[in-house]
Amino acid sequence: MREFTVTSTLDTSGKCCPMPIVETGKAMKAMATGEILEIIATDKGTQKDIPSWCERTGQTLLSMTEENGVFHYHVRKDR
């Protein structure tokens, strides 16, 4: 059970590196501090890329799950 409310959803399914990260960066720029972005991806590389991107940019990775090859990330904008 998650304890946050998704503000916006970004579906990058079918896209490969670097597009999920590029699109995540653009989506986060349009969001206000404290808002939550749900990222949906099928690229396995996002398992390392999204957490690394969050660390580099000062955002908070709230959750990371995978079901049937589809990855779901929840990121809070902190900056």
PDB file of N, CA and C in Angstrom:
ATOM      1  N   MET A   1       0.830  -1.177   0.000  1.00  0.00           N
ATOM      2  CA  MET A   1       0.000   0.000   0.000  1.00  0.00           C
ATOM      3  C   MET A   1       0.879   1.247   0.000  1.00  0.00           C
ATOM      4  N   ARG A   2       0.688   2.100  -0.982  1.00  0.00           N
ATOM      5  CA  ARG A   2       1.517   3.291  -1.069  1.00  0.00           C
ATOM      6  C   ARG A   2       0.879   4.443  -0.297  1.00  0.00           C
ATOM      7  N   GLU A   3       1.716   5.315   0.186  1.00  0.00           N
ATOM      8  CA  GLU A   3       1.262   6.418   1.010  1.00  0.00           C
ATOM      9  C   GLU A   3       1.506   7.755   0.320  1.00  0.00           C
ATOM     10  N   PHE A   4       1.279   7.800  -0.988  1.00  0.00           N
ATOM     11  CA  PHE A   4       1.458   9.031  -1.739  1.00  0.00           C
ATOM     12  C   PHE A   4       0.451   9.066  -2.886  1.00  0.00           C
ATOM     13  N   THR A   5       0.232  10.242  -3.424  1.00  0.00           N
ATOM     14  CA  THR A   5      -0.710  10.418  -4.523  1.00  0.00           C
ATOM     15  C   THR A   5       0.055  10.835  -5.771  1.00  0.00           C
ATOM     16  N   VAL A   6      -0.129  10.087  -6.846  1.00  0.00           N
ATOM     17  CA  VAL A   6       0.532  10.385  -8.116  1.00  0.00           C
ATOM     18  C   VAL A   6      -0.070  11.654  -8.714  1.00  0.00           C
ATOM     19  N   THR A   7       0.801  12.581  -9.081  1.00  0.00           N
ATOM     20  CA  THR A   7       0.389  13.839  -9.685  1.00  0.00           C
ATOM     21  C   THR A   7       0.314  13.706 -11.202  1.00  0.00           C
ATOM     22  N   SER A   8       1.282  12.983 -11.782  1.00  0.00           N
ATOM     23  CA  SER A   8       1.398  12.868 -13.234  1.00  0.00           C
ATOM     24  C   SER A   8       1.986  11.503 -13.581  1.00  0.00           C
ATOM     25  N   THR A   9       1.627  10.997 -14.759  1.00  0.00           N
ATOM     26  CA  THR A   9       2.137   9.704 -15.226  1.00  0.00           C
ATOM     27  C   THR A   9       2.838   9.884 -16.562  1.00  0.00           C
ATOM     28  N   LEU A  10       4.008   9.259 -16.689  1.00  0.00           N
ATOM     29  CA  LEU A  10       4.791   9.277 -17.916  1.00  0.00           C
ATOM     30  C   LEU A  10       4.971   7.836 -18.371  1.00  0.00           C
ATOM     31  N   ASP A  11       4.440   7.511 -19.555  1.00  0.00           N
ATOM     32  CA  ASP A  11       4.562   6.152 -20.098  1.00  0.00           C
ATOM     33  C   ASP A  11       5.653   6.132 -21.157  1.00  0.00           C
ATOM     34  N   THR A  12       6.775   5.481 -20.839  1.00  0.00           N
ATOM     35  CA  THR A  12       7.886   5.381 -21.789  1.00  0.00           C
ATOM     36  C   THR A  12       7.990   3.962 -22.355  1.00  0.00           C
ATOM     37  N   SER A  13       6.926   3.199 -22.259  1.00  0.00           N
ATOM     38  CA  SER A  13       6.920   1.814 -22.737  1.00  0.00           C
ATOM     39  C   SER A  13       7.372   1.754 -24.200  1.00  0.00           C
ATOM     40  N   GLY A  14       8.258   0.795 -24.490  1.00  0.00           N
ATOM     41  CA  GLY A  14       8.741   0.597 -25.844  1.00  0.00           C
ATOM     42  C   GLY A  14       9.914   1.493 -26.217  1.00  0.00           C
ATOM     43  N   LYS A  15      10.294   2.390 -25.338  1.00  0.00           N
ATOM     44  CA  LYS A  15      11.413   3.298 -25.626  1.00  0.00           C
ATOM     45  C   LYS A  15      12.658   2.813 -24.907  1.00  0.00           C
ATOM     46  N   CYS A  16      13.797   2.979 -25.576  1.00  0.00           N
ATOM     47  CA  CYS A  16      15.077   2.532 -25.030  1.00  0.00           C
ATOM     48  C   CYS A  16      15.928   3.719 -24.628  1.00  0.00           C
ATOM     49  N   CYS A  17      16.937   3.425 -23.835  1.00  0.00           N
ATOM     50  CA  CYS A  17      17.897   4.413 -23.368  1.00  0.00           C
ATOM     51  C   CYS A  17      18.420   5.231 -24.549  1.00  0.00           C
ATOM     52  N   PRO A  18      18.450   6.520 -24.424  1.00  0.00           N
ATOM     53  CA  PRO A  18      18.296   7.339 -23.229  1.00  0.00           C
ATOM     54  C   PRO A  18      16.905   7.959 -23.069  1.00  0.00           C
ATOM     55  N   MET A  19      15.955   7.594 -23.924  1.00  0.00           N
ATOM     56  CA  MET A  19      14.669   8.296 -23.959  1.00  0.00           C
ATOM     57  C   MET A  19      13.888   8.283 -22.642  1.00  0.00           C
ATOM     58  N   PRO A  20      13.813   7.166 -21.897  1.00  0.00           N
ATOM     59  CA  PRO A  20      13.081   7.229 -20.628  1.00  0.00           C
ATOM     60  C   PRO A  20      13.639   8.295 -19.672  1.00  0.00           C
ATOM     61  N   ILE A  21      14.952   8.445 -19.623  1.00  0.00           N
ATOM     62  CA  ILE A  21      15.568   9.441 -18.748  1.00  0.00           C
ATOM     63  C   ILE A  21      15.358  10.844 -19.300  1.00  0.00           C
ATOM     64  N   VAL A  22      15.512  11.009 -20.599  1.00  0.00           N
ATOM     65  CA  VAL A  22      15.299  12.321 -21.221  1.00  0.00           C
ATOM     66  C   VAL A  22      13.866  12.795 -20.961  1.00  0.00           C
ATOM     67  N   GLU A  23      12.900  11.917 -21.179  1.00  0.00           N
ATOM     68  CA  GLU A  23      11.499  12.279 -20.978  1.00  0.00           C
ATOM     69  C   GLU A  23      11.169  12.497 -19.498  1.00  0.00           C
ATOM     70  N   THR A  24      11.809  11.730 -18.622  1.00  0.00           N
ATOM     71  CA  THR A  24      11.612  11.923 -17.185  1.00  0.00           C
ATOM     72  C   THR A  24      12.091  13.317 -16.778  1.00  0.00           C
ATOM     73  N   GLY A  25      13.259  13.704 -17.262  1.00  0.00           N
ATOM     74  CA  GLY A  25      13.798  15.025 -16.945  1.00  0.00           C
ATOM     75  C   GLY A  25      12.867  16.141 -17.401  1.00  0.00           C
ATOM     76  N   LYS A  26      12.339  16.015 -18.609  1.00  0.00           N
ATOM     77  CA  LYS A  26      11.413  17.030 -19.131  1.00  0.00           C
ATOM     78  C   LYS A  26      10.137  17.086 -18.303  1.00  0.00           C
ATOM     79  N   ALA A  27       9.602  15.927 -17.956  1.00  0.00           N
ATOM     80  CA  ALA A  27       8.366  15.877 -17.174  1.00  0.00           C
ATOM     81  C   ALA A  27       8.570  16.487 -15.794  1.00  0.00           C
ATOM     82  N   MET A  28       9.699  16.202 -15.172  1.00  0.00           N
ATOM     83  CA  MET A  28       9.971  16.721 -13.832  1.00  0.00           C
ATOM     84  C   MET A  28      10.132  18.242 -13.841  1.00  0.00           C
ATOM     85  N   LYS A  29      10.709  18.792 -14.903  1.00  0.00           N
ATOM     86  CA  LYS A  29      10.875  20.246 -14.991  1.00  0.00           C
ATOM     87  C   LYS A  29       9.534  20.963 -14.985  1.00  0.00           C
ATOM     88  N   ALA A  30       8.508  20.310 -15.522  1.00  0.00           N
ATOM     89  CA  ALA A  30       7.179  20.920 -15.604  1.00  0.00           C
ATOM     90  C   ALA A  30       6.378  20.764 -14.314  1.00  0.00           C
ATOM     91  N   MET A  31       6.917  20.036 -13.352  1.00  0.00           N
ATOM     92  CA  MET A  31       6.204  19.755 -12.106  1.00  0.00           C
ATOM     93  C   MET A  31       6.665  20.674 -10.982  1.00  0.00           C
ATOM     94  N   ALA A  32       5.812  20.829  -9.979  1.00  0.00           N
ATOM     95  CA  ALA A  32       6.143  21.621  -8.803  1.00  0.00           C
ATOM     96  C   ALA A  32       6.810  20.742  -7.747  1.00  0.00           C
ATOM     97  N   THR A  33       7.603  21.361  -6.897  1.00  0.00           N
ATOM     98  CA  THR A  33       8.250  20.651  -5.792  1.00  0.00           C
ATOM     99  C   THR A  33       7.188  19.939  -4.952  1.00  0.00           C
ATOM    100  N   GLY A  34       7.478  18.675  -4.633  1.00  0.00           N
ATOM    101  CA  GLY A  34       6.566  17.873  -3.821  1.00  0.00           C
ATOM    102  C   GLY A  34       5.618  16.999  -4.627  1.00  0.00           C
ATOM    103  N   GLU A  35       5.495  17.274  -5.926  1.00  0.00           N
ATOM    104  CA  GLU A  35       4.608  16.457  -6.754  1.00  0.00           C
ATOM    105  C   GLU A  35       5.266  15.111  -7.059  1.00  0.00           C
ATOM    106  N   ILE A  36       4.437  14.123  -7.399  1.00  0.00           N
ATOM    107  CA  ILE A  36       4.893  12.744  -7.638  1.00  0.00           C
ATOM    108  C   ILE A  36       4.675  12.367  -9.097  1.00  0.00           C
ATOM    109  N   LEU A  37       5.738  11.873  -9.735  1.00  0.00           N
ATOM    110  CA  LEU A  37       5.675  11.386 -11.114  1.00  0.00           C
ATOM    111  C   LEU A  37       5.730   9.868 -11.102  1.00  0.00           C
ATOM    112  N   GLU A  38       4.767   9.242 -11.771  1.00  0.00           N
ATOM    113  CA  GLU A  38       4.819   7.797 -11.994  1.00  0.00           C
ATOM    114  C   GLU A  38       5.415   7.593 -13.380  1.00  0.00           C
ATOM    115  N   ILE A  39       6.458   6.784 -13.453  1.00  0.00           N
ATOM    116  CA  ILE A  39       7.106   6.469 -14.726  1.00  0.00           C
ATOM    117  C   ILE A  39       6.853   5.003 -15.012  1.00  0.00           C
ATOM    118  N   ILE A  40       6.343   4.723 -16.213  1.00  0.00           N
ATOM    119  CA  ILE A  40       6.107   3.348 -16.663  1.00  0.00           C
ATOM    120  C   ILE A  40       7.122   3.079 -17.762  1.00  0.00           C
ATOM    121  N   ALA A  41       7.847   1.971 -17.659  1.00  0.00           N
ATOM    122  CA  ALA A  41       8.902   1.672 -18.623  1.00  0.00           C
ATOM    123  C   ALA A  41       8.996   0.177 -18.886  1.00  0.00           C
ATOM    124  N   THR A  42       9.509  -0.163 -20.066  1.00  0.00           N
ATOM    125  CA  THR A  42       9.766  -1.558 -20.408  1.00  0.00           C
ATOM    126  C   THR A  42      11.260  -1.813 -20.613  1.00  0.00           C
ATOM    127  N   ASP A  43      12.058  -0.778 -20.648  1.00  0.00           N
ATOM    128  CA  ASP A  43      13.503  -0.887 -20.819  1.00  0.00           C
ATOM    129  C   ASP A  43      14.129  -1.330 -19.494  1.00  0.00           C
ATOM    130  N   LYS A  44      14.762  -2.504 -19.489  1.00  0.00           N
ATOM    131  CA  LYS A  44      15.378  -3.027 -18.261  1.00  0.00           C
ATOM    132  C   LYS A  44      16.459  -2.108 -17.717  1.00  0.00           C
ATOM    133  N   GLY A  45      17.056  -1.323 -18.591  1.00  0.00           N
ATOM    134  CA  GLY A  45      18.100  -0.391 -18.173  1.00  0.00           C
ATOM    135  C   GLY A  45      17.606   0.653 -17.185  1.00  0.00           C
ATOM    136  N   THR A  46      16.295   0.889 -17.171  1.00  0.00           N
ATOM    137  CA  THR A  46      15.754   1.888 -16.248  1.00  0.00           C
ATOM    138  C   THR A  46      15.909   1.456 -14.794  1.00  0.00           C
ATOM    139  N   GLN A  47      16.104   0.165 -14.552  1.00  0.00           N
ATOM    140  CA  GLN A  47      16.293  -0.314 -13.180  1.00  0.00           C
ATOM    141  C   GLN A  47      17.525   0.313 -12.533  1.00  0.00           C
ATOM    142  N   LYS A  48      18.517   0.634 -13.327  1.00  0.00           N
ATOM    143  CA  LYS A  48      19.708   1.314 -12.830  1.00  0.00           C
ATOM    144  C   LYS A  48      19.638   2.807 -13.127  1.00  0.00           C
ATOM    145  N   ASP A  49      19.099   3.149 -14.306  1.00  0.00           N
ATOM    146  CA  ASP A  49      19.086   4.544 -14.748  1.00  0.00           C
ATOM    147  C   ASP A  49      18.217   5.453 -13.889  1.00  0.00           C
ATOM    148  N   ILE A  50      17.008   5.024 -13.548  1.00  0.00           N
ATOM    149  CA  ILE A  50      16.099   5.888 -12.782  1.00  0.00           C
ATOM    150  C   ILE A  50      16.648   6.164 -11.372  1.00  0.00           C
ATOM    151  N   PRO A  51      17.059   5.132 -10.608  1.00  0.00           N
ATOM    152  CA  PRO A  51      17.631   5.429  -9.287  1.00  0.00           C
ATOM    153  C   PRO A  51      18.875   6.321  -9.364  1.00  0.00           C
ATOM    154  N   SER A  52      19.723   6.075 -10.349  1.00  0.00           N
ATOM    155  CA  SER A  52      20.933   6.878 -10.526  1.00  0.00           C
ATOM    156  C   SER A  52      20.581   8.325 -10.872  1.00  0.00           C
ATOM    157  N   TRP A  53      19.608   8.504 -11.754  1.00  0.00           N
ATOM    158  CA  TRP A  53      19.163   9.842 -12.140  1.00  0.00           C
ATOM    159  C   TRP A  53      18.612  10.583 -10.925  1.00  0.00           C
ATOM    160  N   CYS A  54      17.812   9.899 -10.119  1.00  0.00           N
ATOM    161  CA  CYS A  54      17.245  10.518  -8.914  1.00  0.00           C
ATOM    162  C   CYS A  54      18.361  10.997  -7.985  1.00  0.00           C
ATOM    163  N   GLU A  55      19.360  10.171  -7.784  1.00  0.00           N
ATOM    164  CA  GLU A  55      20.469  10.523  -6.912  1.00  0.00           C
ATOM    165  C   GLU A  55      21.229  11.727  -7.448  1.00  0.00           C
ATOM    166  N   ARG A  56      21.493  11.736  -8.754  1.00  0.00           N
ATOM    167  CA  ARG A  56      22.230  12.841  -9.383  1.00  0.00           C
ATOM    168  C   ARG A  56      21.472  14.159  -9.334  1.00  0.00           C
ATOM    169  N   THR A  57      20.157  14.103  -9.470  1.00  0.00           N
ATOM    170  CA  THR A  57      19.354  15.321  -9.589  1.00  0.00           C
ATOM    171  C   THR A  57      18.691  15.750  -8.291  1.00  0.00           C
ATOM    172  N   GLY A  58      18.835  14.954  -7.244  1.00  0.00           N
ATOM    173  CA  GLY A  58      18.277  15.321  -5.949  1.00  0.00           C
ATOM    174  C   GLY A  58      16.792  15.042  -5.796  1.00  0.00           C
ATOM    175  N   GLN A  59      16.273  14.119  -6.596  1.00  0.00           N
ATOM    176  CA  GLN A  59      14.864  13.723  -6.477  1.00  0.00           C
ATOM    177  C   GLN A  59      14.784  12.472  -5.594  1.00  0.00           C
ATOM    178  N   THR A  60      13.582  12.148  -5.122  1.00  0.00           N
ATOM    179  CA  THR A  60      13.412  10.995  -4.239  1.00  0.00           C
ATOM    180  C   THR A  60      12.660   9.878  -4.961  1.00  0.00           C
ATOM    181  N   LEU A  61      13.290   8.710  -5.062  1.00  0.00           N
ATOM    182  CA  LEU A  61      12.643   7.521  -5.605  1.00  0.00           C
ATOM    183  C   LEU A  61      11.829   6.898  -4.486  1.00  0.00           C
ATOM    184  N   LEU A  62      10.511   6.977  -4.599  1.00  0.00           N
ATOM    185  CA  LEU A  62       9.621   6.474  -3.556  1.00  0.00           C
ATOM    186  C   LEU A  62       9.361   4.979  -3.677  1.00  0.00           C
ATOM    187  N   SER A  63       9.267   4.488  -4.921  1.00  0.00           N
ATOM    188  CA  SER A  63       9.042   3.056  -5.124  1.00  0.00           C
ATOM    189  C   SER A  63       9.500   2.644  -6.504  1.00  0.00           C
ATOM    190  N   MET A  64       9.787   1.344  -6.622  1.00  0.00           N
ATOM    191  CA  MET A  64      10.235   0.754  -7.876  1.00  0.00           C
ATOM    192  C   MET A  64       9.703  -0.672  -7.885  1.00  0.00           C
ATOM    193  N   THR A  65       8.819  -0.980  -8.831  1.00  0.00           N
ATOM    194  CA  THR A  65       8.258  -2.326  -8.909  1.00  0.00           C
ATOM    195  C   THR A  65       8.310  -2.816 -10.351  1.00  0.00           C
ATOM    196  N   GLU A  66       8.217  -4.137 -10.509  1.00  0.00           N
ATOM    197  CA  GLU A  66       8.217  -4.763 -11.841  1.00  0.00           C
ATOM    198  C   GLU A  66       7.171  -5.855 -11.850  1.00  0.00           C
ATOM    199  N   GLU A  67       6.395  -5.886 -12.912  1.00  0.00           N
ATOM    200  CA  GLU A  67       5.406  -6.936 -13.096  1.00  0.00           C
ATOM    201  C   GLU A  67       5.311  -7.262 -14.577  1.00  0.00           C
ATOM    202  N   ASN A  68       5.621  -8.513 -14.917  1.00  0.00           N
ATOM    203  CA  ASN A  68       5.549  -8.983 -16.302  1.00  0.00           C
ATOM    204  C   ASN A  68       6.352  -8.115 -17.269  1.00  0.00           C
ATOM    205  N   GLY A  69       7.548  -7.696 -16.839  1.00  0.00           N
ATOM    206  CA  GLY A  69       8.427  -6.923 -17.710  1.00  0.00           C
ATOM    207  C   GLY A  69       8.088  -5.448 -17.818  1.00  0.00           C
ATOM    208  N   VAL A  70       7.144  -4.984 -17.017  1.00  0.00           N
ATOM    209  CA  VAL A  70       6.790  -3.564 -16.998  1.00  0.00           C
ATOM    210  C   VAL A  70       7.213  -2.998 -15.645  1.00  0.00           C
ATOM    211  N   PHE A  71       7.996  -1.937 -15.707  1.00  0.00           N
ATOM    212  CA  PHE A  71       8.541  -1.311 -14.503  1.00  0.00           C
ATOM    213  C   PHE A  71       7.736  -0.061 -14.163  1.00  0.00           C
ATOM    214  N   HIS A  72       7.489   0.118 -12.885  1.00  0.00           N
ATOM    215  CA  HIS A  72       6.776   1.300 -12.389  1.00  0.00           C
ATOM    216  C   HIS A  72       7.663   1.974 -11.349  1.00  0.00           C
ATOM    217  N   TYR A  73       7.891   3.256 -11.543  1.00  0.00           N
ATOM    218  CA  TYR A  73       8.699   4.063 -10.628  1.00  0.00           C
ATOM    219  C   TYR A  73       7.843   5.225 -10.146  1.00  0.00           C
ATOM    220  N   HIS A  74       8.020   5.586  -8.904  1.00  0.00           N
ATOM    221  CA  HIS A  74       7.354   6.763  -8.344  1.00  0.00           C
ATOM    222  C   HIS A  74       8.444   7.679  -7.789  1.00  0.00           C
ATOM    223  N   VAL A  75       8.490   8.870  -8.361  1.00  0.00           N
ATOM    224  CA  VAL A  75       9.563   9.818  -8.031  1.00  0.00           C
ATOM    225  C   VAL A  75       8.940  11.124  -7.530  1.00  0.00           C
ATOM    226  N   ARG A  76       9.412  11.603  -6.380  1.00  0.00           N
ATOM    227  CA  ARG A  76       8.968  12.884  -5.851  1.00  0.00           C
ATOM    228  C   ARG A  76       9.958  13.971  -6.241  1.00  0.00           C
ATOM    229  N   LYS A  77       9.419  15.068  -6.766  1.00  0.00           N
ATOM    230  CA  LYS A  77      10.284  16.192  -7.126  1.00  0.00           C
ATOM    231  C   LYS A  77      10.653  16.944  -5.852  1.00  0.00           C
ATOM    232  N   ASP A  78      11.932  17.006  -5.559  1.00  0.00           N
ATOM    233  CA  ASP A  78      12.414  17.683  -4.363  1.00  0.00           C
ATOM    234  C   ASP A  78      13.148  18.975  -4.688  1.00  0.00           C
ATOM    235  N   ARG A  79      13.456  19.213  -5.932  1.00  0.00           N
ATOM    236  CA  ARG A  79      14.178  20.432  -6.335  1.00  0.00           C
ATOM    237  C   ARG A  79      13.537  21.026  -7.566  1.00  0.00           C
TER     238      ARG A  79
END
